[in-house]
Amino acid sequence: MEQKIWFVTGASKGFGLEIVKAVLAAGDKVVATVRGNVEQLEAALGNVPELLVVNMDVVNEQEVQQAVGTAITRFGRLDVVVNNAGFGIVAAIEEASDEETRKQYDTNVFGLLNVVRAVLPHLRRHRSGHIINFSSLFGYGAIPGFALYGSTKFAVEGISEGLALELAPFNIKVTSLAPGLFRTQFLSTGSHVYATNPIADYESTAVGQMKSLPASLHGNQSGDPAKLAKVVVELAGVENPPVHLPVGKDALEIYRSGRAKTDEEINAWVGKFSATEIDS
């Protein structure tokens, strides 16, 4: 099997780090992007010719373009692009300021788009490739306190679906991969933030309860990140991969329950308001 060239964002920890390890173990080459700790990751993974660690913040479009250019110069092409970089804000939507909201979208949505725009000219030139965008179980159903973060993952789902349609003529595949709760650092204090101006009215609601969820769940999640990384490597070898892929029993359950709830609500209200078609 031909050796693949990977480009993985957010590779310093969590899913990104496990994916890089799995890719190297599979015998492929990988460009791992991190923010500022290049030497640390190189030391952790070893100085091997199949690995290139690049300093890159997905929010900085110029850095993204430079990182992709460096990757092409080193390895000649890209085959698999993994948009993994992201973080979460735990807050009621009203509590998050404009600045906090924009930071959430800058990384999780616009940062992803920066990477997509940078890699697509190369993928289109070769008429091949696979873009794997990390979504979340929160992208399948709104949860109080995580709704703003979830909305960025709803966006990832929609962007991925649109990309899959637009890139099909170029033989470029797109998958939105939605993990459930895995034992990464996502729920640790360094990987999520809270709104700086909380509103007391929400503390007795589900939002308040959710603010204590990360601390109670951290280290107790059922998913194994190394096993998810193995799924990602397997996914890259599939000829016709899915556009939407929940990973983990909890992600699948959220998807199914959300879909059923929406169907039930729509079916209950269909035909109960005035018709809107133009009279013929």
C-alpha atoms as a PDB file:
ATOM      1  CA  MET A   1       0.000   0.000   0.000  1.00  0.00           C
ATOM      2  CA  GLU A   2       1.315   3.444  -0.933  1.00  0.00           C
ATOM      3  CA  GLN A   3       2.584   5.583   1.920  1.00  0.00           C
ATOM      4  CA  LYS A   4       0.207   8.447   2.779  1.00  0.00           C
ATOM      5  CA  ILE A   5       1.170  11.998   3.695  1.00  0.00           C
ATOM      6  CA  TRP A   6      -0.887  13.428   6.579  1.00  0.00           C
ATOM      7  CA  PHE A   7      -1.425  16.972   7.836  1.00  0.00           C
ATOM      8  CA  VAL A   8      -2.774  17.036  11.404  1.00  0.00           C
ATOM      9  CA  THR A   9      -3.675  20.193  13.332  1.00  0.00           C
ATOM     10  CA  GLY A  10      -3.745  20.500  17.113  1.00  0.00           C
ATOM     11  CA  ALA A  11      -1.144  17.754  17.475  1.00  0.00           C
ATOM     12  CA  SER A  12       0.391  18.700  20.818  1.00  0.00           C
ATOM     13  CA  LYS A  13      -2.062  16.640  22.897  1.00  0.00           C
ATOM     14  CA  GLY A  14      -5.323  14.727  22.912  1.00  0.00           C
ATOM     15  CA  PHE A  15      -6.712  13.341  19.690  1.00  0.00           C
ATOM     16  CA  GLY A  16      -4.136  15.137  17.560  1.00  0.00           C
ATOM     17  CA  LEU A  17      -1.177  13.591  19.366  1.00  0.00           C
ATOM     18  CA  GLU A  18      -2.716  10.106  19.320  1.00  0.00           C
ATOM     19  CA  ILE A  19      -3.465  10.406  15.600  1.00  0.00           C
ATOM     20  CA  VAL A  20       0.128  11.403  14.861  1.00  0.00           C
ATOM     21  CA  LYS A  21       1.359   8.375  16.829  1.00  0.00           C
ATOM     22  CA  ALA A  22      -1.052   6.071  14.997  1.00  0.00           C
ATOM     23  CA  VAL A  23      -0.066   7.466  11.597  1.00  0.00           C
ATOM     24  CA  LEU A  24       3.637   6.913  12.279  1.00  0.00           C
ATOM     25  CA  ALA A  25       2.904   3.407  13.574  1.00  0.00           C
ATOM     26  CA  ALA A  26       1.062   2.686  10.326  1.00  0.00           C
ATOM     27  CA  GLY A  27       4.195   3.594   8.363  1.00  0.00           C
ATOM     28  CA  ASP A  28       2.884   6.860   6.913  1.00  0.00           C
ATOM     29  CA  LYS A  29       4.416  10.346   6.982  1.00  0.00           C
ATOM     30  CA  VAL A  30       2.861  13.192   8.933  1.00  0.00           C
ATOM     31  CA  VAL A  31       3.049  16.946   9.300  1.00  0.00           C
ATOM     32  CA  ALA A  32       1.998  17.751  12.863  1.00  0.00           C
ATOM     33  CA  THR A  33       1.062  21.344  13.646  1.00  0.00           C
ATOM     34  CA  VAL A  34       1.323  22.817  17.132  1.00  0.00           C
ATOM     35  CA  ARG A  35       1.292  26.226  18.715  1.00  0.00           C
ATOM     36  CA  GLY A  36       4.766  27.092  19.946  1.00  0.00           C
ATOM     37  CA  ASN A  37       6.040  23.813  21.432  1.00  0.00           C
ATOM     38  CA  VAL A  38       7.693  22.259  18.373  1.00  0.00           C
ATOM     39  CA  GLU A  39      10.745  20.953  20.270  1.00  0.00           C
ATOM     40  CA  GLN A  40       8.584  19.373  22.962  1.00  0.00           C
ATOM     41  CA  LEU A  41       6.589  17.323  20.456  1.00  0.00           C
ATOM     42  CA  GLU A  42       9.714  16.362  18.516  1.00  0.00           C
ATOM     43  CA  ALA A  43      11.293  15.133  21.743  1.00  0.00           C
ATOM     44  CA  ALA A  44       8.173  13.159  22.651  1.00  0.00           C
ATOM     45  CA  LEU A  45       7.845  11.453  19.268  1.00  0.00           C
ATOM     46  CA  GLY A  46      11.493  11.156  18.299  1.00  0.00           C
ATOM     47  CA  ASN A  47      13.485  12.682  15.467  1.00  0.00           C
ATOM     48  CA  VAL A  48      12.236  10.486  12.630  1.00  0.00           C
ATOM     49  CA  PRO A  49      12.266  11.396   8.919  1.00  0.00           C
ATOM     50  CA  GLU A  50       8.562  10.550   8.576  1.00  0.00           C
ATOM     51  CA  LEU A  51       7.621  13.371  10.972  1.00  0.00           C
ATOM     52  CA  LEU A  52       7.633  17.119  10.421  1.00  0.00           C
ATOM     53  CA  VAL A  53       6.489  19.314  13.319  1.00  0.00           C
ATOM     54  CA  VAL A  54       5.443  22.841  12.359  1.00  0.00           C
ATOM     55  CA  ASN A  55       4.498  25.818  14.500  1.00  0.00           C
ATOM     56  CA  MET A  56       1.049  26.982  13.366  1.00  0.00           C
ATOM     57  CA  ASP A  57      -2.016  28.652  14.830  1.00  0.00           C
ATOM     58  CA  VAL A  58      -5.087  27.856  12.720  1.00  0.00           C
ATOM     59  CA  VAL A  59      -6.429  31.353  13.411  1.00  0.00           C
ATOM     60  CA  ASN A  60      -3.432  32.912  11.636  1.00  0.00           C
ATOM     61  CA  GLU A  61      -4.092  32.472   7.915  1.00  0.00           C
ATOM     62  CA  GLN A  62      -0.541  33.426   6.941  1.00  0.00           C
ATOM     63  CA  GLU A  63       0.909  30.805   9.316  1.00  0.00           C
ATOM     64  CA  VAL A  64      -1.463  28.208   7.880  1.00  0.00           C
ATOM     65  CA  GLN A  65      -0.401  28.973   4.307  1.00  0.00           C
ATOM     66  CA  GLN A  66       3.267  28.827   5.315  1.00  0.00           C
ATOM     67  CA  ALA A  67       2.814  25.523   7.171  1.00  0.00           C
ATOM     68  CA  VAL A  68       1.086  23.911   4.201  1.00  0.00           C
ATOM     69  CA  GLY A  69       3.809  25.231   1.891  1.00  0.00           C
ATOM     70  CA  THR A  70       6.473  23.776   4.177  1.00  0.00           C
ATOM     71  CA  ALA A  71       4.660  20.433   4.187  1.00  0.00           C
ATOM     72  CA  ILE A  72       4.515  20.322   0.378  1.00  0.00           C
ATOM     73  CA  THR A  73       8.185  21.270   0.113  1.00  0.00           C
ATOM     74  CA  ARG A  74       9.174  18.486   2.528  1.00  0.00           C
ATOM     75  CA  PHE A  75       6.928  15.649   1.340  1.00  0.00           C
ATOM     76  CA  GLY A  76       5.752  16.708  -2.130  1.00  0.00           C
ATOM     77  CA  ARG A  77       2.013  16.296  -1.567  1.00  0.00           C
ATOM     78  CA  LEU A  78      -0.763  15.807   0.978  1.00  0.00           C
ATOM     79  CA  ASP A  79      -3.186  12.895   1.104  1.00  0.00           C
ATOM     80  CA  VAL A  80      -5.063  13.195   4.400  1.00  0.00           C
ATOM     81  CA  VAL A  81      -5.854  16.446   6.215  1.00  0.00           C
ATOM     82  CA  VAL A  82      -7.141  16.223   9.796  1.00  0.00           C
ATOM     83  CA  ASN A  83      -8.731  19.383  11.188  1.00  0.00           C
ATOM     84  CA  ASN A  84      -8.538  18.597  14.894  1.00  0.00           C
ATOM     85  CA  ALA A  85      -7.559  21.907  16.524  1.00  0.00           C
ATOM     86  CA  GLY A  86     -10.251  23.384  18.737  1.00  0.00           C
ATOM     87  CA  PHE A  87     -11.398  24.280  22.242  1.00  0.00           C
ATOM     88  CA  GLY A  88     -14.674  24.719  24.100  1.00  0.00           C
ATOM     89  CA  ILE A  89     -16.386  27.429  26.109  1.00  0.00           C
ATOM     90  CA  VAL A  90     -18.766  26.351  28.868  1.00  0.00           C
ATOM     91  CA  ALA A  91     -21.394  29.069  29.286  1.00  0.00           C
ATOM     92  CA  ALA A  92     -24.939  30.070  28.557  1.00  0.00           C
ATOM     93  CA  ILE A  93     -25.066  31.743  25.166  1.00  0.00           C
ATOM     94  CA  GLU A  94     -26.097  35.012  26.837  1.00  0.00           C
ATOM     95  CA  GLU A  95     -23.098  34.873  29.179  1.00  0.00           C
ATOM     96  CA  ALA A  96     -20.477  34.714  26.416  1.00  0.00           C
ATOM     97  CA  SER A  97     -19.305  38.117  25.264  1.00  0.00           C
ATOM     98  CA  ASP A  98     -18.856  39.034  21.618  1.00  0.00           C
ATOM     99  CA  GLU A  99     -15.097  38.643  22.014  1.00  0.00           C
ATOM    100  CA  GLU A 100     -15.416  35.224  23.667  1.00  0.00           C
ATOM    101  CA  THR A 101     -17.878  34.050  21.029  1.00  0.00           C
ATOM    102  CA  ARG A 102     -15.639  35.196  18.200  1.00  0.00           C
ATOM    103  CA  LYS A 103     -12.621  33.411  19.712  1.00  0.00           C
ATOM    104  CA  GLN A 104     -14.675  30.206  19.838  1.00  0.00           C
ATOM    105  CA  TYR A 105     -15.651  30.539  16.176  1.00  0.00           C
ATOM    106  CA  ASP A 106     -12.218  31.783  15.084  1.00  0.00           C
ATOM    107  CA  THR A 107     -10.592  28.531  16.168  1.00  0.00           C
ATOM    108  CA  ASN A 108     -13.302  25.927  15.646  1.00  0.00           C
ATOM    109  CA  VAL A 109     -14.813  27.251  12.401  1.00  0.00           C
ATOM    110  CA  PHE A 110     -12.749  29.954  10.705  1.00  0.00           C
ATOM    111  CA  GLY A 111      -9.483  28.244  11.632  1.00  0.00           C
ATOM    112  CA  LEU A 112     -10.750  25.054  10.035  1.00  0.00           C
ATOM    113  CA  LEU A 113     -11.670  27.030   6.915  1.00  0.00           C
ATOM    114  CA  ASN A 114      -8.182  28.568   6.823  1.00  0.00           C
ATOM    115  CA  VAL A 115      -6.718  25.067   6.621  1.00  0.00           C
ATOM    116  CA  VAL A 116      -9.249  23.943   4.016  1.00  0.00           C
ATOM    117  CA  ARG A 117      -8.473  26.905   1.749  1.00  0.00           C
ATOM    118  CA  ALA A 118      -4.735  26.320   2.111  1.00  0.00           C
ATOM    119  CA  VAL A 119      -4.748  22.602   1.281  1.00  0.00           C
ATOM    120  CA  LEU A 120      -7.381  22.436  -1.448  1.00  0.00           C
ATOM    121  CA  PRO A 121      -5.253  23.810  -4.326  1.00  0.00           C
ATOM    122  CA  HIS A 122      -2.809  20.951  -3.708  1.00  0.00           C
ATOM    123  CA  LEU A 123      -5.498  18.292  -3.335  1.00  0.00           C
ATOM    124  CA  ARG A 124      -7.307  19.484  -6.474  1.00  0.00           C
ATOM    125  CA  ARG A 125      -4.047  19.422  -8.439  1.00  0.00           C
ATOM    126  CA  HIS A 126      -3.648  15.725  -7.625  1.00  0.00           C
ATOM    127  CA  ARG A 127      -7.394  15.008  -7.944  1.00  0.00           C
ATOM    128  CA  SER A 128      -7.304  13.060  -4.689  1.00  0.00           C
ATOM    129  CA  GLY A 129      -7.282  13.448  -0.927  1.00  0.00           C
ATOM    130  CA  HIS A 130      -9.376  13.079   2.203  1.00  0.00           C
ATOM    131  CA  ILE A 131     -10.282  15.905   4.585  1.00  0.00           C
ATOM    132  CA  ILE A 132     -11.340  14.730   8.054  1.00  0.00           C
ATOM    133  CA  ASN A 133     -12.957  17.493  10.099  1.00  0.00           C
ATOM    134  CA  PHE A 134     -13.407  16.916  13.813  1.00  0.00           C
ATOM    135  CA  SER A 135     -16.934  17.641  14.941  1.00  0.00           C
ATOM    136  CA  SER A 136     -18.408  16.399  18.238  1.00  0.00           C
ATOM    137  CA  LEU A 137     -21.421  14.709  19.761  1.00  0.00           C
ATOM    138  CA  PHE A 138     -22.364  18.296  20.692  1.00  0.00           C
ATOM    139  CA  GLY A 139     -22.749  18.901  16.953  1.00  0.00           C
ATOM    140  CA  TYR A 140     -25.735  16.529  16.909  1.00  0.00           C
ATOM    141  CA  GLY A 141     -27.821  18.053  19.686  1.00  0.00           C
ATOM    142  CA  ALA A 142     -27.804  21.234  21.746  1.00  0.00           C
ATOM    143  CA  ILE A 143     -26.902  20.865  25.428  1.00  0.00           C
ATOM    144  CA  PRO A 144     -27.299  23.773  27.894  1.00  0.00           C
ATOM    145  CA  GLY A 145     -23.936  25.267  28.759  1.00  0.00           C
ATOM    146  CA  PHE A 146     -22.273  23.673  25.731  1.00  0.00           C
ATOM    147  CA  ALA A 147     -24.668  25.115  23.140  1.00  0.00           C
ATOM    148  CA  LEU A 148     -22.273  27.785  21.861  1.00  0.00           C
ATOM    149  CA  TYR A 149     -19.439  25.296  21.496  1.00  0.00           C
ATOM    150  CA  GLY A 150     -21.905  22.859  19.943  1.00  0.00           C
ATOM    151  CA  SER A 151     -22.997  25.465  17.424  1.00  0.00           C
ATOM    152  CA  THR A 152     -19.445  25.560  16.051  1.00  0.00           C
ATOM    153  CA  LYS A 153     -19.649  21.797  15.583  1.00  0.00           C
ATOM    154  CA  PHE A 154     -23.041  22.132  13.877  1.00  0.00           C
ATOM    155  CA  ALA A 155     -21.175  24.477  11.517  1.00  0.00           C
ATOM    156  CA  VAL A 156     -18.443  21.862  10.973  1.00  0.00           C
ATOM    157  CA  GLU A 157     -21.116  19.310  10.069  1.00  0.00           C
ATOM    158  CA  GLY A 158     -22.662  21.678   7.507  1.00  0.00           C
ATOM    159  CA  ILE A 159     -19.351  22.813   6.064  1.00  0.00           C
ATOM    160  CA  SER A 160     -18.224  19.211   5.680  1.00  0.00           C
ATOM    161  CA  GLU A 161     -21.435  18.198   3.943  1.00  0.00           C
ATOM    162  CA  GLY A 162     -21.130  21.123   1.523  1.00  0.00           C
ATOM    163  CA  LEU A 163     -17.458  20.426   0.875  1.00  0.00           C
ATOM    164  CA  ALA A 164     -18.200  16.778   0.144  1.00  0.00           C
ATOM    165  CA  LEU A 165     -20.620  17.817  -2.599  1.00  0.00           C
ATOM    166  CA  GLU A 166     -18.352  20.494  -4.048  1.00  0.00           C
ATOM    167  CA  LEU A 167     -15.204  18.363  -4.025  1.00  0.00           C
ATOM    168  CA  ALA A 168     -16.702  15.131  -5.373  1.00  0.00           C
ATOM    169  CA  PRO A 169     -15.828  16.094  -9.002  1.00  0.00           C
ATOM    170  CA  PHE A 170     -12.167  16.258  -7.927  1.00  0.00           C
ATOM    171  CA  ASN A 171     -12.187  12.856  -6.197  1.00  0.00           C
ATOM    172  CA  ILE A 172     -11.576  14.518  -2.815  1.00  0.00           C
ATOM    173  CA  LYS A 173     -13.396  12.893   0.108  1.00  0.00           C
ATOM    174  CA  VAL A 174     -14.686  14.700   3.197  1.00  0.00           C
ATOM    175  CA  THR A 175     -15.710  13.234   6.547  1.00  0.00           C
ATOM    176  CA  SER A 176     -17.068  15.021   9.597  1.00  0.00           C
ATOM    177  CA  LEU A 177     -15.983  12.807  12.482  1.00  0.00           C
ATOM    178  CA  ALA A 178     -17.955  13.338  15.699  1.00  0.00           C
ATOM    179  CA  PRO A 179     -16.378  11.773  18.793  1.00  0.00           C
ATOM    180  CA  GLY A 180     -18.294  11.221  21.979  1.00  0.00           C
ATOM    181  CA  LEU A 181     -16.609  11.753  25.349  1.00  0.00           C
ATOM    182  CA  PHE A 182     -13.062  10.412  25.239  1.00  0.00           C
ATOM    183  CA  ARG A 183     -10.389  10.447  27.911  1.00  0.00           C
ATOM    184  CA  THR A 184      -8.419  13.381  26.471  1.00  0.00           C
ATOM    185  CA  GLN A 185      -7.503  16.712  28.054  1.00  0.00           C
ATOM    186  CA  PHE A 186     -10.592  18.425  26.562  1.00  0.00           C
ATOM    187  CA  LEU A 187     -12.356  18.565  29.935  1.00  0.00           C
ATOM    188  CA  SER A 188      -9.221  19.628  31.810  1.00  0.00           C
ATOM    189  CA  THR A 189      -8.872  23.234  32.952  1.00  0.00           C
ATOM    190  CA  GLY A 190      -6.390  24.032  30.188  1.00  0.00           C
ATOM    191  CA  SER A 191      -8.598  22.921  27.300  1.00  0.00           C
ATOM    192  CA  HIS A 192     -11.880  24.687  27.971  1.00  0.00           C
ATOM    193  CA  VAL A 193     -12.839  28.115  29.252  1.00  0.00           C
ATOM    194  CA  TYR A 194     -15.717  29.753  31.079  1.00  0.00           C
ATOM    195  CA  ALA A 195     -17.357  33.092  30.332  1.00  0.00           C
ATOM    196  CA  THR A 196     -15.723  35.880  32.314  1.00  0.00           C
ATOM    197  CA  ASN A 197     -19.073  37.449  33.248  1.00  0.00           C
ATOM    198  CA  PRO A 198     -21.415  34.670  34.449  1.00  0.00           C
ATOM    199  CA  ILE A 199     -25.071  35.520  35.121  1.00  0.00           C
ATOM    200  CA  ALA A 200     -26.382  34.391  38.505  1.00  0.00           C
ATOM    201  CA  ASP A 201     -29.827  33.619  37.094  1.00  0.00           C
ATOM    202  CA  TYR A 202     -28.404  30.612  35.223  1.00  0.00           C
ATOM    203  CA  GLU A 203     -26.681  29.006  38.201  1.00  0.00           C
ATOM    204  CA  SER A 204     -29.809  27.137  39.321  1.00  0.00           C
ATOM    205  CA  THR A 205     -30.520  25.895  35.778  1.00  0.00           C
ATOM    206  CA  ALA A 206     -28.991  23.144  33.676  1.00  0.00           C
ATOM    207  CA  VAL A 207     -26.306  25.631  32.624  1.00  0.00           C
ATOM    208  CA  GLY A 208     -25.049  25.845  36.186  1.00  0.00           C
ATOM    209  CA  GLN A 209     -25.019  22.074  36.462  1.00  0.00           C
ATOM    210  CA  MET A 210     -23.055  21.760  33.247  1.00  0.00           C
ATOM    211  CA  LYS A 211     -20.355  24.101  34.542  1.00  0.00           C
ATOM    212  CA  SER A 212     -19.413  21.461  37.085  1.00  0.00           C
ATOM    213  CA  LEU A 213     -19.541  18.653  34.530  1.00  0.00           C
ATOM    214  CA  PRO A 214     -15.968  18.937  33.158  1.00  0.00           C
ATOM    215  CA  ALA A 215     -14.382  18.500  36.580  1.00  0.00           C
ATOM    216  CA  SER A 216     -16.536  15.498  37.443  1.00  0.00           C
ATOM    217  CA  LEU A 217     -16.138  13.804  34.061  1.00  0.00           C
ATOM    218  CA  HIS A 218     -12.447  14.495  33.458  1.00  0.00           C
ATOM    219  CA  GLY A 219     -10.598  11.196  33.611  1.00  0.00           C
ATOM    220  CA  ASN A 220     -13.811   9.195  33.693  1.00  0.00           C
ATOM    221  CA  GLN A 221     -14.821   9.360  30.039  1.00  0.00           C
ATOM    222  CA  SER A 222     -15.487   5.992  28.439  1.00  0.00           C
ATOM    223  CA  GLY A 223     -13.663   6.568  25.155  1.00  0.00           C
ATOM    224  CA  ASP A 224     -10.023   5.629  24.544  1.00  0.00           C
ATOM    225  CA  PRO A 225      -8.249   8.303  22.409  1.00  0.00           C
ATOM    226  CA  ALA A 226      -5.715   5.780  21.067  1.00  0.00           C
ATOM    227  CA  LYS A 227      -8.565   3.629  19.766  1.00  0.00           C
ATOM    228  CA  LEU A 228     -10.173   6.653  18.099  1.00  0.00           C
ATOM    229  CA  ALA A 229      -6.835   7.399  16.428  1.00  0.00           C
ATOM    230  CA  LYS A 230      -6.860   3.866  15.053  1.00  0.00           C
ATOM    231  CA  VAL A 231     -10.346   4.531  13.626  1.00  0.00           C
ATOM    232  CA  VAL A 232      -9.030   7.664  11.900  1.00  0.00           C
ATOM    233  CA  VAL A 233      -6.205   5.697  10.265  1.00  0.00           C
ATOM    234  CA  GLU A 234      -8.668   3.008   9.178  1.00  0.00           C
ATOM    235  CA  LEU A 235     -11.033   5.687   7.836  1.00  0.00           C
ATOM    236  CA  ALA A 236      -8.268   7.110   5.656  1.00  0.00           C
ATOM    237  CA  GLY A 237      -7.982   3.737   3.948  1.00  0.00           C
ATOM    238  CA  VAL A 238     -11.656   3.491   2.995  1.00  0.00           C
ATOM    239  CA  GLU A 239     -12.380   4.019  -0.697  1.00  0.00           C
ATOM    240  CA  ASN A 240     -15.788   5.649  -0.188  1.00  0.00           C
ATOM    241  CA  PRO A 241     -15.807   7.061   3.356  1.00  0.00           C
ATOM    242  CA  PRO A 242     -18.930   8.458   5.040  1.00  0.00           C
ATOM    243  CA  VAL A 243     -19.565  12.198   5.201  1.00  0.00           C
ATOM    244  CA  HIS A 244     -20.874  11.952   8.778  1.00  0.00           C
ATOM    245  CA  LEU A 245     -19.365   9.544  11.291  1.00  0.00           C
ATOM    246  CA  PRO A 246     -20.257   9.489  15.006  1.00  0.00           C
ATOM    247  CA  VAL A 247     -17.599   7.627  17.005  1.00  0.00           C
ATOM    248  CA  GLY A 248     -18.489   6.193  20.403  1.00  0.00           C
ATOM    249  CA  LYS A 249     -21.755   4.833  21.788  1.00  0.00           C
ATOM    250  CA  ASP A 250     -22.638   8.187  23.360  1.00  0.00           C
ATOM    251  CA  ALA A 251     -22.154  10.089  20.097  1.00  0.00           C
ATOM    252  CA  LEU A 252     -24.352   7.597  18.256  1.00  0.00           C
ATOM    253  CA  GLU A 253     -27.014   7.853  20.953  1.00  0.00           C
ATOM    254  CA  ILE A 254     -27.037  11.678  20.839  1.00  0.00           C
ATOM    255  CA  TYR A 255     -27.319  11.569  17.044  1.00  0.00           C
ATOM    256  CA  ARG A 256     -30.224   9.112  17.069  1.00  0.00           C
ATOM    257  CA  SER A 257     -32.155  10.774  19.894  1.00  0.00           C
ATOM    258  CA  GLY A 258     -31.694  14.224  18.375  1.00  0.00           C
ATOM    259  CA  ARG A 259     -32.832  13.066  14.974  1.00  0.00           C
ATOM    260  CA  ALA A 260     -35.894  11.328  16.451  1.00  0.00           C
ATOM    261  CA  LYS A 261     -36.824  14.391  18.527  1.00  0.00           C
ATOM    262  CA  THR A 262     -36.598  16.693  15.509  1.00  0.00           C
ATOM    263  CA  ASP A 263     -38.659  14.317  13.354  1.00  0.00           C
ATOM    264  CA  GLU A 264     -41.299  14.067  16.063  1.00  0.00           C
ATOM    265  CA  GLU A 265     -41.544  17.828  16.486  1.00  0.00           C
ATOM    266  CA  ILE A 266     -41.734  18.564  12.762  1.00  0.00           C
ATOM    267  CA  ASN A 267     -44.303  15.842  12.130  1.00  0.00           C
ATOM    268  CA  ALA A 268     -46.442  17.185  14.979  1.00  0.00           C
ATOM    269  CA  TRP A 269     -46.607  20.646  13.425  1.00  0.00           C
ATOM    270  CA  VAL A 270     -46.677  19.938   9.693  1.00  0.00           C
ATOM    271  CA  GLY A 271     -49.846  21.333   8.125  1.00  0.00           C
ATOM    272  CA  LYS A 272     -51.004  23.269  11.208  1.00  0.00           C
ATOM    273  CA  PHE A 273     -50.289  26.709   9.777  1.00  0.00           C
ATOM    274  CA  SER A 274     -51.414  28.498   6.640  1.00  0.00           C
ATOM    275  CA  ALA A 275     -50.156  27.227   3.307  1.00  0.00           C
ATOM    276  CA  THR A 276     -47.334  29.332   1.844  1.00  0.00           C
ATOM    277  CA  GLU A 277     -47.246  28.273  -1.798  1.00  0.00           C
ATOM    278  CA  ILE A 278     -48.299  30.751  -4.466  1.00  0.00           C
ATOM    279  CA  ASP A 279     -51.866  30.099  -5.630  1.00  0.00           C
ATOM    280  CA  SER A 280     -51.866  28.615  -9.121  1.00  0.00           C
END
